[in-house]
Amino acid sequence: MKNRIKIIYITEYSGMKKKTPPPPKPRQIPLNIPTKPSMGASVGKSIMDGISLGTGSAIGRHLVDTIMIPKPKPIEPPEVKLDWCTLLKRSYDRCLKENTDVDSCDNMRNMIVNNQCV
């Protein structure tokens, strides 16, 4: 029986077909191959980097100035309270200086007297 088993084993082994290997897969090109940029692309990138750096710097500076430097309060002119009589007297004085005829300023003088600004 031993011989028979050997023969069967040999026969089955000899009767097996050799498998052919599968065809090689097509070679895929990696997508992230570093390429040398053209001269125009590198100049354009440099300009864009400069613009973004300048803009970021200006925004940061403005932000720091707003937080750190207090704004001065605007100087308001002092309040000058002029009453009606003071205005009438100044207008009458101006009228007398500008006109040689005293009668032309009679209206102003009458207003001063009527408002008891004497």
C-alpha atoms as a PDB file:
ATOM      1  CA  MET A   1       0.000   0.000   0.000  1.00  0.00           C
ATOM      2  CA  LYS A   2       2.858   2.207   0.620  1.00  0.00           C
ATOM      3  CA  ASN A   3       3.837   2.093  -2.988  1.00  0.00           C
ATOM      4  CA  ARG A   4       0.386   2.933  -4.127  1.00  0.00           C
ATOM      5  CA  ILE A   5       0.208   6.006  -1.973  1.00  0.00           C
ATOM      6  CA  LYS A   6       3.500   7.147  -3.272  1.00  0.00           C
ATOM      7  CA  ILE A   7       2.411   6.641  -6.819  1.00  0.00           C
ATOM      8  CA  ILE A   8      -0.797   8.533  -6.319  1.00  0.00           C
ATOM      9  CA  TYR A   9       1.115  11.296  -4.665  1.00  0.00           C
ATOM     10  CA  ILE A  10       3.611  11.442  -7.476  1.00  0.00           C
ATOM     11  CA  THR A  11       0.905  11.240 -10.083  1.00  0.00           C
ATOM     12  CA  GLU A  12      -1.150  14.012  -8.563  1.00  0.00           C
ATOM     13  CA  TYR A  13       1.924  16.169  -8.166  1.00  0.00           C
ATOM     14  CA  SER A  14       3.062  15.532 -11.685  1.00  0.00           C
ATOM     15  CA  GLY A  15      -0.408  16.187 -13.053  1.00  0.00           C
ATOM     16  CA  MET A  16      -0.736  19.649 -11.503  1.00  0.00           C
ATOM     17  CA  LYS A  17      -0.442  22.552 -13.858  1.00  0.00           C
ATOM     18  CA  LYS A  18       1.896  25.364 -13.100  1.00  0.00           C
ATOM     19  CA  LYS A  19       0.088  28.576 -12.468  1.00  0.00           C
ATOM     20  CA  THR A  20       1.296  31.531 -14.442  1.00  0.00           C
ATOM     21  CA  PRO A  21       1.938  34.638 -12.352  1.00  0.00           C
ATOM     22  CA  PRO A  22      -0.564  37.486 -12.729  1.00  0.00           C
ATOM     23  CA  PRO A  23       0.414  40.347 -15.010  1.00  0.00           C
ATOM     24  CA  PRO A  24       2.186  43.218 -13.234  1.00  0.00           C
ATOM     25  CA  LYS A  25      -0.032  46.054 -12.048  1.00  0.00           C
ATOM     26  CA  PRO A  26       0.347  49.297 -13.914  1.00  0.00           C
ATOM     27  CA  ARG A  27       2.707  51.568 -12.096  1.00  0.00           C
ATOM     28  CA  GLN A  28       0.946  54.486 -10.438  1.00  0.00           C
ATOM     29  CA  ILE A  29       2.627  57.868 -10.370  1.00  0.00           C
ATOM     30  CA  PRO A  30       2.572  59.426  -6.901  1.00  0.00           C
ATOM     31  CA  LEU A  31       0.542  62.624  -6.821  1.00  0.00           C
ATOM     32  CA  ASN A  32       2.822  64.550  -4.496  1.00  0.00           C
ATOM     33  CA  ILE A  33       5.976  64.579  -6.571  1.00  0.00           C
ATOM     34  CA  PRO A  34       7.898  67.730  -5.757  1.00  0.00           C
ATOM     35  CA  THR A  35       8.405  69.671  -8.948  1.00  0.00           C
ATOM     36  CA  LYS A  36      10.551  72.685  -9.518  1.00  0.00           C
ATOM     37  CA  PRO A  37       8.278  75.754  -9.749  1.00  0.00           C
ATOM     38  CA  SER A  38       8.647  78.044 -12.686  1.00  0.00           C
ATOM     39  CA  MET A  39      10.217  81.478 -12.271  1.00  0.00           C
ATOM     40  CA  GLY A  40       6.871  83.283 -12.675  1.00  0.00           C
ATOM     41  CA  ALA A  41       5.161  81.120 -10.083  1.00  0.00           C
ATOM     42  CA  SER A  42       7.861  81.708  -7.489  1.00  0.00           C
ATOM     43  CA  VAL A  43       7.808  85.494  -8.052  1.00  0.00           C
ATOM     44  CA  GLY A  44       4.008  85.551  -7.814  1.00  0.00           C
ATOM     45  CA  LYS A  45       4.115  83.486  -4.622  1.00  0.00           C
ATOM     46  CA  SER A  46       6.695  85.850  -3.149  1.00  0.00           C
ATOM     47  CA  ILE A  47       4.522  88.867  -3.936  1.00  0.00           C
ATOM     48  CA  MET A  48       1.452  87.235  -2.384  1.00  0.00           C
ATOM     49  CA  ASP A  49       3.468  86.268   0.700  1.00  0.00           C
ATOM     50  CA  GLY A  50       4.641  89.872   1.045  1.00  0.00           C
ATOM     51  CA  ILE A  51       1.142  91.272   0.719  1.00  0.00           C
ATOM     52  CA  SER A  52      -0.275  88.874   3.289  1.00  0.00           C
ATOM     53  CA  LEU A  53       2.600  89.559   5.694  1.00  0.00           C
ATOM     54  CA  GLY A  54       2.131  93.317   5.368  1.00  0.00           C
ATOM     55  CA  THR A  55      -1.617  93.093   5.853  1.00  0.00           C
ATOM     56  CA  GLY A  56      -1.266  90.881   8.911  1.00  0.00           C
ATOM     57  CA  SER A  57       1.333  93.222  10.365  1.00  0.00           C
ATOM     58  CA  ALA A  58      -0.894  96.278   9.878  1.00  0.00           C
ATOM     59  CA  ILE A  59      -3.888  94.564  11.469  1.00  0.00           C
ATOM     60  CA  GLY A  60      -1.809  93.408  14.432  1.00  0.00           C
ATOM     61  CA  ARG A  61      -0.286  96.847  14.941  1.00  0.00           C
ATOM     62  CA  HIS A  62      -3.693  98.519  14.852  1.00  0.00           C
ATOM     63  CA  LEU A  63      -5.039  95.995  17.357  1.00  0.00           C
ATOM     64  CA  VAL A  64      -2.155  96.565  19.772  1.00  0.00           C
ATOM     65  CA  ASP A  65      -2.448 100.356  19.404  1.00  0.00           C
ATOM     66  CA  THR A  66      -6.158 100.186  20.124  1.00  0.00           C
ATOM     67  CA  ILE A  67      -5.643  98.149  23.282  1.00  0.00           C
ATOM     68  CA  MET A  68      -2.449  99.650  24.675  1.00  0.00           C
ATOM     69  CA  ILE A  69      -2.546 103.361  23.784  1.00  0.00           C
ATOM     70  CA  PRO A  70      -5.395 105.326  25.373  1.00  0.00           C
ATOM     71  CA  LYS A  71      -7.113 107.816  23.131  1.00  0.00           C
ATOM     72  CA  PRO A  72      -6.827 111.440  24.217  1.00  0.00           C
ATOM     73  CA  LYS A  73     -10.062 113.157  25.046  1.00  0.00           C
ATOM     74  CA  PRO A  74     -10.979 115.854  22.552  1.00  0.00           C
ATOM     75  CA  ILE A  75     -10.425 119.372  23.829  1.00  0.00           C
ATOM     76  CA  GLU A  76     -13.719 121.146  24.073  1.00  0.00           C
ATOM     77  CA  PRO A  77     -13.821 124.904  23.781  1.00  0.00           C
ATOM     78  CA  PRO A  78     -14.768 126.623  27.020  1.00  0.00           C
ATOM     79  CA  GLU A  79     -18.371 127.580  27.284  1.00  0.00           C
ATOM     80  CA  VAL A  80     -18.837 131.282  26.863  1.00  0.00           C
ATOM     81  CA  LYS A  81     -22.135 132.464  28.190  1.00  0.00           C
ATOM     82  CA  LEU A  82     -23.223 135.646  26.575  1.00  0.00           C
ATOM     83  CA  ASP A  83     -26.421 137.185  27.595  1.00  0.00           C
ATOM     84  CA  TRP A  84     -28.675 139.262  25.412  1.00  0.00           C
ATOM     85  CA  CYS A  85     -27.509 142.570  26.831  1.00  0.00           C
ATOM     86  CA  THR A  86     -23.838 141.818  26.192  1.00  0.00           C
ATOM     87  CA  LEU A  87     -24.596 140.957  22.560  1.00  0.00           C
ATOM     88  CA  LEU A  88     -26.575 144.161  22.099  1.00  0.00           C
ATOM     89  CA  LYS A  89     -23.817 146.317  23.594  1.00  0.00           C
ATOM     90  CA  ARG A  90     -21.148 144.699  21.379  1.00  0.00           C
ATOM     91  CA  SER A  91     -23.263 145.196  18.294  1.00  0.00           C
ATOM     92  CA  TYR A  92     -23.884 148.824  19.224  1.00  0.00           C
ATOM     93  CA  ASP A  93     -20.137 149.409  19.758  1.00  0.00           C
ATOM     94  CA  ARG A  94     -19.354 147.824  16.373  1.00  0.00           C
ATOM     95  CA  CYS A  95     -22.003 149.974  14.717  1.00  0.00           C
ATOM     96  CA  LEU A  96     -20.489 153.133  16.199  1.00  0.00           C
ATOM     97  CA  LYS A  97     -16.998 152.162  14.987  1.00  0.00           C
ATOM     98  CA  GLU A  98     -18.116 151.359  11.454  1.00  0.00           C
ATOM     99  CA  ASN A  99     -20.437 154.314  10.919  1.00  0.00           C
ATOM    100  CA  THR A 100     -19.549 157.949  11.241  1.00  0.00           C
ATOM    101  CA  ASP A 101     -23.199 158.910  11.526  1.00  0.00           C
ATOM    102  CA  VAL A 102     -24.364 158.241  15.092  1.00  0.00           C
ATOM    103  CA  ASP A 103     -28.023 158.342  14.061  1.00  0.00           C
ATOM    104  CA  SER A 104     -27.640 155.143  12.023  1.00  0.00           C
ATOM    105  CA  CYS A 105     -27.120 153.209  15.295  1.00  0.00           C
ATOM    106  CA  ASP A 106     -30.246 154.590  17.001  1.00  0.00           C
ATOM    107  CA  ASN A 107     -32.120 151.311  16.542  1.00  0.00           C
ATOM    108  CA  MET A 108     -29.471 149.469  18.534  1.00  0.00           C
ATOM    109  CA  ARG A 109     -29.439 152.096  21.259  1.00  0.00           C
ATOM    110  CA  ASN A 110     -33.242 151.930  21.550  1.00  0.00           C
ATOM    111  CA  MET A 111     -33.083 148.133  21.907  1.00  0.00           C
ATOM    112  CA  ILE A 112     -30.540 148.473  24.722  1.00  0.00           C
ATOM    113  CA  VAL A 113     -32.744 150.955  26.555  1.00  0.00           C
ATOM    114  CA  ASN A 114     -35.956 148.942  25.992  1.00  0.00           C
ATOM    115  CA  ASN A 115     -34.348 145.735  27.334  1.00  0.00           C
ATOM    116  CA  GLN A 116     -32.986 147.639  30.347  1.00  0.00           C
ATOM    117  CA  CYS A 117     -29.400 146.737  29.519  1.00  0.00           C
ATOM    118  CA  VAL A 118     -28.025 150.049  30.677  1.00  0.00           C
END
